[in-house]
Amino acid sequence: MLSVLKNRVYRHLLAAQVVALTGTGLATVALGLLAFDLAGDAAGMVLGTALTIKMVAYVVIAPLAAAFAERLDRRKMLVVLDLVRAAVAVCLPFVTEVWQIYVLIFVLQSASAGFTPAFQATIPDVLTDEQDYTKALSLSRLAYDLESLISPALAAALLVFISFDSLFWGTSLGFAASALLVVSVALPSPKPTERRGIYDRTTRGIRIYLVTKRLRGLLALSWTAAAISSMVIVNTVVIVRADLGLSESAVAVALAGYGGGSMLAAFALPSLLNSFEDRSVMLAGATFGTVTMALAAGLFATIPMTLWGLAILWAGAGFGYSATLTPSGRLLTRTARPEDRPAVFAAQFTLSHACWLVLYPLAGWLMTTQGTELALTWMTVAALLGIGVAPLTWPRSTQKTVPDEHTDKP
C-alpha cells in the first residue's frame, strides 16, 4: 500500500490531507468546549445546529463550487480555499455569541465543500494506474480513521498546557500547512472541451450521476453507510454514558472500536478489490455493517451490554462502512471523463451528505423518543433500504462498462 508514496505529488497531497484533518480534529474538540462555554446545558442544541449547517453547506455549495472549478487553476483554487479555512479558524477564538459560531461554521464548511471534491478529483489524475489509485483510497481512509483516534488524544494533551480556544490556532496552522504542501507541487487541471453555461456546469455532475446505473447504486449504498455511521456518531455518547453508565473516556473506547474496524477494512481492501468486483465488495460491506447493526439491536434487547461488547460491534459497523464507501472513488473515476471529474466527485459529495442530512437527525430523534433497541432496529431498517435498492439500480452487467455510458444524456 505504501508504494504509492514514491510519487512526490501524491505524497505531498496525502501530507496536506493529514495535517488538515489533524487541524479539523482539534477544532471539533474546541468547538464542543466553546459551545458549552457560551450555551452551558444547551451546548448540544448548538452543536446539533452547527452540524446541520455543515451538511446544508455541503449539499448546497459543492455543486456550485464544481461549476467554477472547471474554469479555475486547480492548485490555486485549493490553496485559496485552505487559506479561507485558516482565516475562519483564526476568528473562532474571538467568538462571543452563538450566532457567530453559526456564521463562521457556514463559511468554513462552504470552503470545505469546494475543497474536498476538487482534492478528491485530483488524485486519479495524479495516480493514473488503478491499482495505485486503490491504494491511495485506502491510505485516505486510514488518514480519516487515524485522525478520529489521534486528534482527541492530541487535544487532551494540549489542553493540559493551553486553553481550549488556543486549539483553534492549531486548526489554522493545519490548514495553512495544507496550503503550503499543495502549492509545493504542480497539479493537473483538466479543461472542459466545450463552453457551458452556469446552469449546465452547476447541474452537470448530478445529471451525469443520476443517469449512470452504477452511481445510482452507489447512492443507495451511501444511504446504507450513512444509516450505519449516523447511529454510531450521534448515539454512542448516549449509549455509553446513559445506558452503560460509564465515563467520558469510555466513549472514546467505543468510538475507537469503530475507527479500528474501518482501518482494518482499509488495509484489506486493496487485495480484496484485486480479487473481486467493486460491486461485490461494496454490497458485502454494506450487508456486513447492516447485519452488525441488527445483531447489536438483538443483543441490547436480550443481554446486558458491556463496553468491550459495544466496541466489538462498532468495529464490525466500521468495517462495513469503510468497505462500502472507500471504493467509491474508483467508480467515480471510471464514470467521468477527466474534465467532468470535479463535477462528478462534487455530486457524490453533495448526494452522500444529503443522506446524512436526513439520517443524523433521524438517529438522534429515534434515540431520544424510542430508546436504544428501537433506534438500532429502525436504523437497521433504513440501512436495509439501501441494500435492497442498490442491486436493482446497479445490475452486475454494468460493472465493467466504459465511463461514457452517460455521455449523450446530460
Protein backbone atom coordinates (compact mmCIF):
# COMPACT_ATOMS: atom_id res chain seq x y z
CA MET A 1 0.00 0.00 0.00
CA LEU A 2 2.82 2.42 0.85
CA SER A 3 4.43 2.06 -2.57
CA VAL A 4 2.30 4.95 -3.90
CA LEU A 5 4.20 7.31 -1.59
CA LYS A 6 7.08 7.15 -4.07
CA ASN A 7 5.04 9.58 -6.17
CA ARG A 8 6.13 13.01 -4.92
CA VAL A 9 2.93 14.83 -5.90
CA TYR A 10 0.71 12.29 -4.19
CA ARG A 11 2.98 12.23 -1.13
CA HIS A 12 2.56 15.97 -0.71
CA LEU A 13 -1.20 15.75 -1.24
CA LEU A 14 -1.55 13.00 1.36
CA ALA A 15 0.53 15.05 3.81
CA ALA A 16 -1.74 18.03 3.12
CA GLN A 17 -4.77 15.88 3.87
CA VAL A 18 -3.27 14.58 7.11
CA VAL A 19 -2.34 18.00 8.53
CA ALA A 20 -5.70 19.48 7.54
CA LEU A 21 -7.53 16.57 9.17
CA THR A 22 -5.49 16.98 12.34
CA GLY A 23 -6.43 20.63 12.47
CA THR A 24 -10.07 19.74 11.88
CA GLY A 25 -9.94 17.23 14.73
CA LEU A 26 -8.61 19.88 17.11
CA ALA A 27 -11.40 22.21 16.01
CA THR A 28 -14.02 19.54 16.73
CA VAL A 29 -12.88 19.27 20.35
CA ALA A 30 -12.52 23.04 20.76
CA LEU A 31 -15.91 23.73 19.19
CA GLY A 32 -17.66 21.49 21.71
CA LEU A 33 -15.94 23.28 24.58
CA LEU A 34 -16.71 26.69 23.05
CA ALA A 35 -20.39 25.75 22.71
CA PHE A 36 -20.52 24.70 26.36
CA ASP A 37 -18.75 27.90 27.39
CA LEU A 38 -21.34 30.02 25.57
CA ALA A 39 -24.51 27.96 25.99
CA GLY A 40 -23.98 25.73 29.02
CA ASP A 41 -26.58 22.94 29.14
CA ALA A 42 -27.84 23.97 25.69
CA ALA A 43 -24.47 23.13 24.10
CA GLY A 44 -25.96 20.01 22.50
CA MET A 45 -28.51 22.13 20.66
CA VAL A 46 -25.75 24.48 19.48
CA LEU A 47 -23.62 21.61 18.18
CA GLY A 48 -26.62 19.96 16.55
CA THR A 49 -27.45 23.19 14.75
CA ALA A 50 -23.81 23.62 13.71
CA LEU A 51 -23.80 20.06 12.31
CA THR A 52 -26.97 20.77 10.34
CA ILE A 53 -25.42 23.98 8.96
CA LYS A 54 -22.37 21.94 7.94
CA MET A 55 -24.49 19.46 5.99
CA VAL A 56 -26.55 22.21 4.33
CA ALA A 57 -23.34 23.92 3.22
CA TYR A 58 -22.06 20.62 1.80
CA VAL A 59 -25.27 19.93 -0.10
CA VAL A 60 -25.75 23.44 -1.49
CA ILE A 61 -22.21 24.71 -2.08
CA ALA A 62 -20.45 21.64 -3.54
CA PRO A 63 -22.20 21.70 -6.96
CA LEU A 64 -21.79 25.48 -7.20
CA ALA A 65 -18.08 25.19 -6.43
CA ALA A 66 -17.74 22.42 -9.01
CA ALA A 67 -19.26 24.69 -11.66
CA PHE A 68 -16.41 27.16 -11.16
CA ALA A 69 -13.72 24.56 -10.52
CA GLU A 70 -13.53 23.51 -14.16
CA ARG A 71 -12.66 27.10 -15.14
CA LEU A 72 -10.01 27.64 -12.44
CA ASP A 73 -6.46 26.51 -11.90
CA ARG A 74 -6.94 23.61 -9.51
CA ARG A 75 -3.86 24.28 -7.39
CA LYS A 76 -4.74 27.95 -6.90
CA MET A 77 -8.31 27.04 -6.03
CA LEU A 78 -7.25 24.51 -3.39
CA VAL A 79 -4.74 26.91 -1.85
CA VAL A 80 -7.25 29.76 -1.65
CA LEU A 81 -9.87 27.53 -0.02
CA ASP A 82 -7.31 26.27 2.51
CA LEU A 83 -6.42 29.87 3.36
CA VAL A 84 -10.11 30.75 3.77
CA ARG A 85 -10.47 27.86 6.21
CA ALA A 86 -7.35 29.00 8.08
CA ALA A 87 -8.74 32.54 8.34
CA VAL A 88 -12.05 31.30 9.74
CA ALA A 89 -10.25 29.18 12.34
CA VAL A 90 -8.32 32.27 13.47
CA CYS A 91 -11.64 34.06 14.07
CA LEU A 92 -13.18 31.32 16.23
CA PRO A 93 -11.24 32.11 19.46
CA PHE A 94 -12.79 35.59 19.43
CA VAL A 95 -16.41 34.41 19.24
CA THR A 96 -18.68 35.80 21.98
CA GLU A 97 -22.15 34.91 20.66
CA VAL A 98 -23.69 31.66 19.46
CA TRP A 99 -24.84 33.16 16.15
CA GLN A 100 -21.21 33.95 15.35
CA ILE A 101 -20.41 30.24 15.58
CA TYR A 102 -23.12 29.51 13.03
CA VAL A 103 -21.85 32.12 10.56
CA LEU A 104 -18.22 31.01 10.82
CA ILE A 105 -19.11 27.33 10.57
CA PHE A 106 -21.09 28.01 7.39
CA VAL A 107 -18.15 29.84 5.82
CA LEU A 108 -15.68 27.16 6.95
CA GLN A 109 -17.78 24.27 5.69
CA SER A 110 -18.60 26.06 2.44
CA ALA A 111 -14.86 26.28 1.79
CA SER A 112 -14.55 22.57 2.64
CA ALA A 113 -17.44 21.80 0.25
CA GLY A 114 -15.39 23.35 -2.54
CA PHE A 115 -12.05 21.94 -1.42
CA THR A 116 -12.83 18.28 -0.74
CA PRO A 117 -14.39 17.18 -4.08
CA ALA A 118 -11.75 19.07 -6.08
CA PHE A 119 -9.00 17.49 -3.96
CA GLN A 120 -10.51 14.02 -4.40
CA ALA A 121 -10.85 14.51 -8.15
CA THR A 122 -7.16 15.42 -8.38
CA ILE A 123 -5.86 12.10 -7.04
CA PRO A 124 -6.88 9.92 -10.04
CA ASP A 125 -5.25 12.49 -12.34
CA VAL A 126 -2.02 12.11 -10.36
CA LEU A 127 -2.18 8.31 -9.94
CA THR A 128 -3.43 7.07 -13.29
CA ASP A 129 -2.81 3.38 -12.57
CA GLU A 130 -5.96 1.90 -10.99
CA GLN A 131 -4.07 -0.29 -8.51
CA ASP A 132 -2.10 2.73 -7.30
CA TYR A 133 -5.32 4.72 -7.03
CA THR A 134 -6.93 1.94 -4.99
CA LYS A 135 -4.01 2.04 -2.57
CA ALA A 136 -4.38 5.81 -2.35
CA LEU A 137 -8.08 5.44 -1.47
CA SER A 138 -7.17 3.07 1.35
CA LEU A 139 -4.48 5.45 2.62
CA SER A 140 -7.02 8.27 2.56
CA ARG A 141 -9.44 6.15 4.60
CA LEU A 142 -6.65 5.40 7.07
CA ALA A 143 -5.91 9.11 7.37
CA TYR A 144 -9.53 9.81 8.32
CA ASP A 145 -9.58 6.97 10.84
CA LEU A 146 -6.26 7.91 12.42
CA GLU A 147 -7.48 11.49 12.74
CA SER A 148 -10.52 10.32 14.68
CA LEU A 149 -8.22 8.43 17.07
CA ILE A 150 -5.24 10.78 17.35
CA SER A 151 -6.80 14.26 17.31
CA PRO A 152 -8.82 13.83 20.54
CA ALA A 153 -5.73 12.48 22.33
CA LEU A 154 -3.60 15.33 20.97
CA ALA A 155 -6.24 17.85 22.04
CA ALA A 156 -6.37 16.35 25.53
CA ALA A 157 -2.58 16.60 25.85
CA LEU A 158 -2.53 20.21 24.62
CA LEU A 159 -5.32 21.23 26.99
CA VAL A 160 -3.03 20.45 29.91
CA PHE A 161 -0.92 23.46 28.88
CA ILE A 162 -3.26 25.78 26.93
CA SER A 163 -6.87 26.94 26.98
CA PHE A 164 -9.39 25.34 24.63
CA ASP A 165 -9.68 28.39 22.38
CA SER A 166 -5.96 28.09 21.58
CA LEU A 167 -6.75 24.81 19.83
CA PHE A 168 -8.27 26.84 17.00
CA TRP A 169 -4.79 28.24 16.30
CA GLY A 170 -3.67 24.65 15.72
CA THR A 171 -6.56 24.26 13.30
CA SER A 172 -5.46 27.36 11.42
CA LEU A 173 -1.88 26.11 11.26
CA GLY A 174 -3.12 22.78 9.88
CA PHE A 175 -4.95 24.47 7.01
CA ALA A 176 -2.01 26.80 6.34
CA ALA A 177 0.37 23.82 6.22
CA SER A 178 -2.02 22.09 3.84
CA ALA A 179 -1.93 25.14 1.54
CA LEU A 180 1.87 25.15 1.57
CA LEU A 181 2.02 21.45 0.68
CA VAL A 182 -0.46 21.89 -2.18
CA VAL A 183 1.40 24.89 -3.59
CA SER A 184 4.68 22.94 -3.47
CA VAL A 185 3.64 20.63 -6.33
CA ALA A 186 2.27 21.03 -9.84
CA LEU A 187 -1.26 19.65 -10.20
CA PRO A 188 -3.07 18.64 -13.39
CA SER A 189 -6.10 20.80 -14.13
CA PRO A 190 -8.13 19.25 -16.98
CA LYS A 191 -10.01 21.82 -19.03
CA PRO A 192 -13.50 21.27 -20.43
CA THR A 193 -13.70 20.57 -24.14
CA GLU A 194 -16.65 22.90 -24.66
CA ARG A 195 -18.06 26.08 -23.16
CA ARG A 196 -21.13 25.58 -20.99
CA GLY A 197 -23.50 27.93 -19.17
CA ILE A 198 -23.51 28.26 -15.40
CA TYR A 199 -26.70 26.17 -15.02
CA ASP A 200 -25.25 23.37 -17.10
CA ARG A 201 -21.97 23.44 -15.18
CA THR A 202 -23.75 23.54 -11.80
CA THR A 203 -26.05 20.61 -12.52
CA ARG A 204 -23.89 18.55 -14.87
CA GLY A 205 -22.28 16.41 -12.18
CA ILE A 206 -25.60 15.46 -10.60
CA ARG A 207 -27.17 14.79 -14.01
CA ILE A 208 -24.28 12.50 -15.00
CA TYR A 209 -24.54 10.83 -11.61
CA LEU A 210 -28.28 10.16 -11.74
CA VAL A 211 -28.33 8.71 -15.28
CA THR A 212 -25.45 6.33 -14.57
CA LYS A 213 -26.55 2.97 -13.21
CA ARG A 214 -23.50 2.19 -11.11
CA LEU A 215 -23.67 5.63 -9.48
CA ARG A 216 -27.35 5.26 -8.64
CA GLY A 217 -26.30 2.05 -6.93
CA LEU A 218 -23.52 3.93 -5.15
CA LEU A 219 -26.07 6.46 -3.88
CA ALA A 220 -28.19 3.65 -2.44
CA LEU A 221 -25.11 2.21 -0.71
CA SER A 222 -24.18 5.69 0.53
CA TRP A 223 -27.60 5.76 2.20
CA THR A 224 -26.83 2.47 3.92
CA ALA A 225 -23.41 3.70 5.04
CA ALA A 226 -24.96 6.91 6.36
CA ALA A 227 -27.52 4.92 8.36
CA ILE A 228 -24.75 2.85 9.96
CA SER A 229 -22.46 5.79 10.72
CA SER A 230 -25.26 8.07 11.94
CA MET A 231 -26.23 5.59 14.65
CA VAL A 232 -22.61 5.37 15.81
CA ILE A 233 -21.67 9.06 15.60
CA VAL A 234 -24.86 10.52 17.05
CA ASN A 235 -25.74 7.97 19.71
CA THR A 236 -22.53 6.41 21.04
CA VAL A 237 -22.22 9.03 23.77
CA VAL A 238 -25.79 8.37 24.94
CA ILE A 239 -25.34 4.60 24.89
CA VAL A 240 -22.09 4.72 26.85
CA ARG A 241 -22.99 7.44 29.36
CA ALA A 242 -26.71 6.74 29.90
CA ASP A 243 -27.27 3.06 29.06
CA LEU A 244 -23.96 1.66 30.29
CA GLY A 245 -23.35 4.34 32.93
CA LEU A 246 -19.68 4.73 32.03
CA SER A 247 -17.26 7.65 31.90
CA GLU A 248 -16.33 10.04 29.10
CA SER A 249 -13.17 8.06 28.39
CA ALA A 250 -15.34 5.01 27.69
CA VAL A 251 -16.95 6.95 24.84
CA ALA A 252 -13.51 7.24 23.24
CA VAL A 253 -13.01 3.46 23.63
CA ALA A 254 -16.29 2.70 21.87
CA LEU A 255 -15.54 5.12 19.02
CA ALA A 256 -12.02 3.68 18.76
CA GLY A 257 -13.66 0.32 18.02
CA TYR A 258 -15.50 1.90 15.10
CA GLY A 259 -12.33 3.57 13.81
CA GLY A 260 -10.33 0.36 14.26
CA GLY A 261 -12.82 -1.63 12.18
CA SER A 262 -12.69 0.99 9.46
CA MET A 263 -8.88 0.89 9.45
CA LEU A 264 -8.90 -2.90 9.17
CA ALA A 265 -11.10 -2.63 6.09
CA ALA A 266 -8.76 -0.03 4.58
CA PHE A 267 -5.82 -2.44 4.95
CA ALA A 268 -7.81 -5.33 3.43
CA LEU A 269 -9.40 -3.51 0.51
CA PRO A 270 -6.50 -3.34 -2.00
CA SER A 271 -6.19 -7.12 -2.09
CA LEU A 272 -9.97 -7.65 -1.97
CA LEU A 273 -10.52 -5.32 -4.91
CA ASN A 274 -7.87 -7.19 -6.89
CA SER A 275 -9.82 -10.42 -6.40
CA PHE A 276 -13.46 -9.28 -6.50
CA GLU A 277 -15.57 -6.74 -8.37
CA ASP A 278 -16.14 -3.39 -6.70
CA ARG A 279 -19.89 -4.07 -6.70
CA SER A 280 -19.49 -7.34 -4.81
CA VAL A 281 -17.11 -5.86 -2.22
CA MET A 282 -19.29 -2.81 -1.60
CA LEU A 283 -22.53 -4.81 -1.33
CA ALA A 284 -20.82 -7.27 1.02
CA GLY A 285 -19.52 -4.40 3.15
CA ALA A 286 -22.95 -2.77 3.35
CA THR A 287 -24.53 -6.11 4.25
CA PHE A 288 -21.90 -6.83 6.90
CA GLY A 289 -22.37 -3.42 8.52
CA THR A 290 -26.15 -3.75 8.48
CA VAL A 291 -26.08 -7.27 9.95
CA THR A 292 -23.82 -5.92 12.70
CA MET A 293 -26.41 -3.24 13.48
CA ALA A 294 -29.18 -5.86 13.57
CA LEU A 295 -27.05 -8.02 15.88
CA ALA A 296 -26.49 -5.03 18.16
CA ALA A 297 -30.26 -4.43 18.35
CA GLY A 298 -30.84 -8.06 19.27
CA LEU A 299 -28.11 -8.12 21.91
CA PHE A 300 -29.26 -4.89 23.54
CA ALA A 301 -32.75 -6.37 23.82
CA THR A 302 -31.65 -9.68 25.35
CA ILE A 303 -28.43 -9.37 27.38
CA PRO A 304 -26.60 -6.70 29.41
CA MET A 305 -24.19 -4.88 27.11
CA THR A 306 -20.57 -4.20 28.10
CA LEU A 307 -18.17 -1.57 26.80
CA TRP A 308 -15.98 -4.14 25.07
CA GLY A 309 -19.02 -5.79 23.54
CA LEU A 310 -20.11 -2.42 22.16
CA ALA A 311 -16.59 -1.71 20.87
CA ILE A 312 -16.56 -5.04 19.00
CA LEU A 313 -19.98 -4.36 17.49
CA TRP A 314 -18.89 -0.88 16.45
CA ALA A 315 -15.73 -2.37 14.90
CA GLY A 316 -17.98 -4.51 12.70
CA ALA A 317 -20.02 -1.45 11.77
CA GLY A 318 -16.82 0.48 10.97
CA PHE A 319 -15.51 -2.36 8.81
CA GLY A 320 -18.76 -2.48 6.85
CA TYR A 321 -18.90 1.31 6.46
CA SER A 322 -15.34 1.55 5.13
CA ALA A 323 -15.73 -1.42 2.78
CA THR A 324 -18.88 0.19 1.39
CA LEU A 325 -17.61 3.69 0.67
CA THR A 326 -13.83 3.51 0.21
CA PRO A 327 -14.02 2.04 -3.34
CA SER A 328 -16.43 4.78 -4.44
CA GLY A 329 -13.59 6.87 -5.91
CA ARG A 330 -12.86 4.08 -8.39
CA LEU A 331 -16.47 4.15 -9.62
CA LEU A 332 -16.47 7.93 -9.96
CA THR A 333 -13.17 7.89 -11.85
CA ARG A 334 -14.40 5.23 -14.28
CA THR A 335 -17.62 7.11 -14.88
CA ALA A 336 -16.26 10.59 -15.52
CA ARG A 337 -14.03 11.89 -18.24
CA PRO A 338 -11.13 13.91 -16.78
CA GLU A 339 -12.83 17.25 -17.40
CA ASP A 340 -16.01 16.05 -15.66
CA ARG A 341 -14.33 14.54 -12.59
CA PRO A 342 -14.65 17.60 -10.31
CA ALA A 343 -18.38 17.79 -11.11
CA VAL A 344 -18.99 14.08 -10.55
CA PHE A 345 -16.97 13.97 -7.33
CA ALA A 346 -18.92 17.03 -6.15
CA ALA A 347 -22.17 15.25 -6.99
CA GLN A 348 -21.17 12.29 -4.81
CA PHE A 349 -20.15 14.71 -2.06
CA THR A 350 -23.50 16.52 -2.26
CA LEU A 351 -25.77 13.49 -2.54
CA SER A 352 -24.00 11.41 0.11
CA HIS A 353 -24.14 14.30 2.58
CA ALA A 354 -27.81 14.75 1.77
CA CYS A 355 -28.23 11.20 3.14
CA TRP A 356 -26.51 12.25 6.38
CA LEU A 357 -28.63 15.40 6.50
CA VAL A 358 -31.69 13.13 6.78
CA LEU A 359 -30.24 10.33 8.89
CA TYR A 360 -28.30 12.31 11.52
CA PRO A 361 -31.43 13.92 12.97
CA LEU A 362 -33.42 10.71 12.48
CA ALA A 363 -30.90 8.74 14.55
CA GLY A 364 -30.99 11.34 17.31
CA TRP A 365 -34.80 11.55 17.33
CA LEU A 366 -35.19 7.76 17.46
CA MET A 367 -32.71 7.50 20.33
CA THR A 368 -34.47 10.25 22.28
CA THR A 369 -38.03 9.04 21.76
CA GLN A 370 -37.72 5.26 21.29
CA GLY A 371 -34.60 4.15 23.17
CA THR A 372 -31.53 2.22 22.12
CA GLU A 373 -33.08 -1.06 20.94
CA LEU A 374 -35.70 0.55 18.70
CA ALA A 375 -33.23 3.15 17.43
CA LEU A 376 -30.87 0.36 16.37
CA THR A 377 -33.77 -1.56 14.84
CA TRP A 378 -35.11 1.32 12.77
CA MET A 379 -31.66 2.45 11.64
CA THR A 380 -31.06 -1.16 10.54
CA VAL A 381 -34.29 -0.98 8.53
CA ALA A 382 -33.06 2.28 6.96
CA ALA A 383 -29.77 0.60 6.05
CA LEU A 384 -31.65 -2.34 4.52
CA LEU A 385 -33.48 0.03 2.19
CA GLY A 386 -30.21 0.98 0.55
CA ILE A 387 -29.09 -2.65 0.25
CA GLY A 388 -32.42 -3.50 -1.36
CA VAL A 389 -32.28 -0.70 -3.90
CA ALA A 390 -28.58 -0.95 -4.85
CA PRO A 391 -28.69 -4.28 -6.77
CA LEU A 392 -31.79 -3.11 -8.67
CA THR A 393 -30.21 0.15 -9.82
CA TRP A 394 -26.72 -1.30 -10.32
CA PRO A 395 -27.03 -4.56 -12.29
CA ARG A 396 -23.97 -6.79 -12.32
CA SER A 397 -23.71 -6.40 -16.10
CA THR A 398 -22.71 -2.72 -15.71
CA GLN A 399 -19.66 -3.49 -13.56
CA LYS A 400 -17.16 -3.18 -16.40
CA THR A 401 -18.98 -0.62 -18.55
CA VAL A 402 -16.77 2.06 -20.07
CA PRO A 403 -17.01 5.52 -18.50
CA ASP A 404 -19.13 7.16 -21.18
CA GLU A 405 -22.44 5.35 -20.74
CA HIS A 406 -23.88 8.75 -19.74
CA THR A 407 -22.29 10.84 -22.48
CA ASP A 408 -25.34 11.57 -24.62
CA LYS A 409 -27.77 12.14 -21.75
CA PRO A 410 -26.76 15.13 -19.61
